[in-house]
Amino acid sequence: MGNVTRKGASSQPQAIRYLTEVRRLVMALAALVTAVGSVIALFVR
């Protein structure tokens, strides 16, 4: 039981790190989508 709780406590920072990585990925994807959207808008005009 003690090992399980210790494992959960150590895995929390990893989850936070994973969340920050996912957030960074989402932000990069959003920037890409906006850039592509602006380029498409230029071509459509």
C-alpha atoms as a PDB file:
ATOM      1  CA  MET A   1       0.000   0.000   0.000  1.00  0.00           C
ATOM      2  CA  GLY A   2       2.805   2.422   0.898  1.00  0.00           C
ATOM      3  CA  ASN A   3       4.482   1.804  -2.454  1.00  0.00           C
ATOM      4  CA  VAL A   4       1.254   2.593  -4.295  1.00  0.00           C
ATOM      5  CA  THR A   5       0.829   5.970  -2.563  1.00  0.00           C
ATOM      6  CA  ARG A   6       4.506   6.803  -3.125  1.00  0.00           C
ATOM      7  CA  LYS A   7       4.117   5.911  -6.808  1.00  0.00           C
ATOM      8  CA  GLY A   8       1.023   8.150  -7.134  1.00  0.00           C
ATOM      9  CA  ALA A   9       2.831  11.065  -5.478  1.00  0.00           C
ATOM     10  CA  SER A  10       5.815  10.730  -7.825  1.00  0.00           C
ATOM     11  CA  SER A  11       3.588  10.441 -10.902  1.00  0.00           C
ATOM     12  CA  GLN A  12       1.860  13.777 -10.185  1.00  0.00           C
ATOM     13  CA  PRO A  13       4.751  16.002 -11.463  1.00  0.00           C
ATOM     14  CA  GLN A  14       4.868  13.821 -14.589  1.00  0.00           C
ATOM     15  CA  ALA A  15       1.154  14.488 -15.154  1.00  0.00           C
ATOM     16  CA  ILE A  16       1.717  18.250 -14.750  1.00  0.00           C
ATOM     17  CA  ARG A  17       4.646  18.069 -17.177  1.00  0.00           C
ATOM     18  CA  TYR A  18       2.450  16.104 -19.615  1.00  0.00           C
ATOM     19  CA  LEU A  19      -0.304  18.718 -19.276  1.00  0.00           C
ATOM     20  CA  THR A  20       2.131  21.554 -20.002  1.00  0.00           C
ATOM     21  CA  GLU A  21       3.457  19.658 -23.049  1.00  0.00           C
ATOM     22  CA  VAL A  22      -0.097  19.095 -24.324  1.00  0.00           C
ATOM     23  CA  ARG A  23      -0.931  22.775 -23.761  1.00  0.00           C
ATOM     24  CA  ARG A  24       2.209  23.780 -25.706  1.00  0.00           C
ATOM     25  CA  LEU A  25       1.203  21.401 -28.509  1.00  0.00           C
ATOM     26  CA  VAL A  26      -2.320  22.845 -28.593  1.00  0.00           C
ATOM     27  CA  MET A  27      -0.947  26.394 -28.732  1.00  0.00           C
ATOM     28  CA  ALA A  28       1.399  25.447 -31.589  1.00  0.00           C
ATOM     29  CA  LEU A  29      -1.499  23.777 -33.422  1.00  0.00           C
ATOM     30  CA  ALA A  30      -3.678  26.870 -32.937  1.00  0.00           C
ATOM     31  CA  ALA A  31      -0.903  29.115 -34.303  1.00  0.00           C
ATOM     32  CA  LEU A  32      -0.499  26.778 -37.287  1.00  0.00           C
ATOM     33  CA  VAL A  33      -4.254  26.787 -37.945  1.00  0.00           C
ATOM     34  CA  THR A  34      -4.423  30.591 -37.787  1.00  0.00           C
ATOM     35  CA  ALA A  35      -1.417  30.923 -40.129  1.00  0.00           C
ATOM     36  CA  VAL A  36      -2.916  28.457 -42.611  1.00  0.00           C
ATOM     37  CA  GLY A  37      -6.287  30.188 -42.317  1.00  0.00           C
ATOM     38  CA  SER A  38      -4.781  33.599 -43.105  1.00  0.00           C
ATOM     39  CA  VAL A  39      -2.902  32.153 -46.096  1.00  0.00           C
ATOM     40  CA  ILE A  40      -6.089  30.494 -47.366  1.00  0.00           C
ATOM     41  CA  ALA A  41      -7.981  33.780 -46.899  1.00  0.00           C
ATOM     42  CA  LEU A  42      -5.304  35.562 -48.955  1.00  0.00           C
ATOM     43  CA  PHE A  43      -5.613  32.993 -51.742  1.00  0.00           C
ATOM     44  CA  VAL A  44      -9.426  33.027 -51.629  1.00  0.00           C
ATOM     45  CA  ARG A  45      -9.404  36.792 -52.112  1.00  0.00           C
END
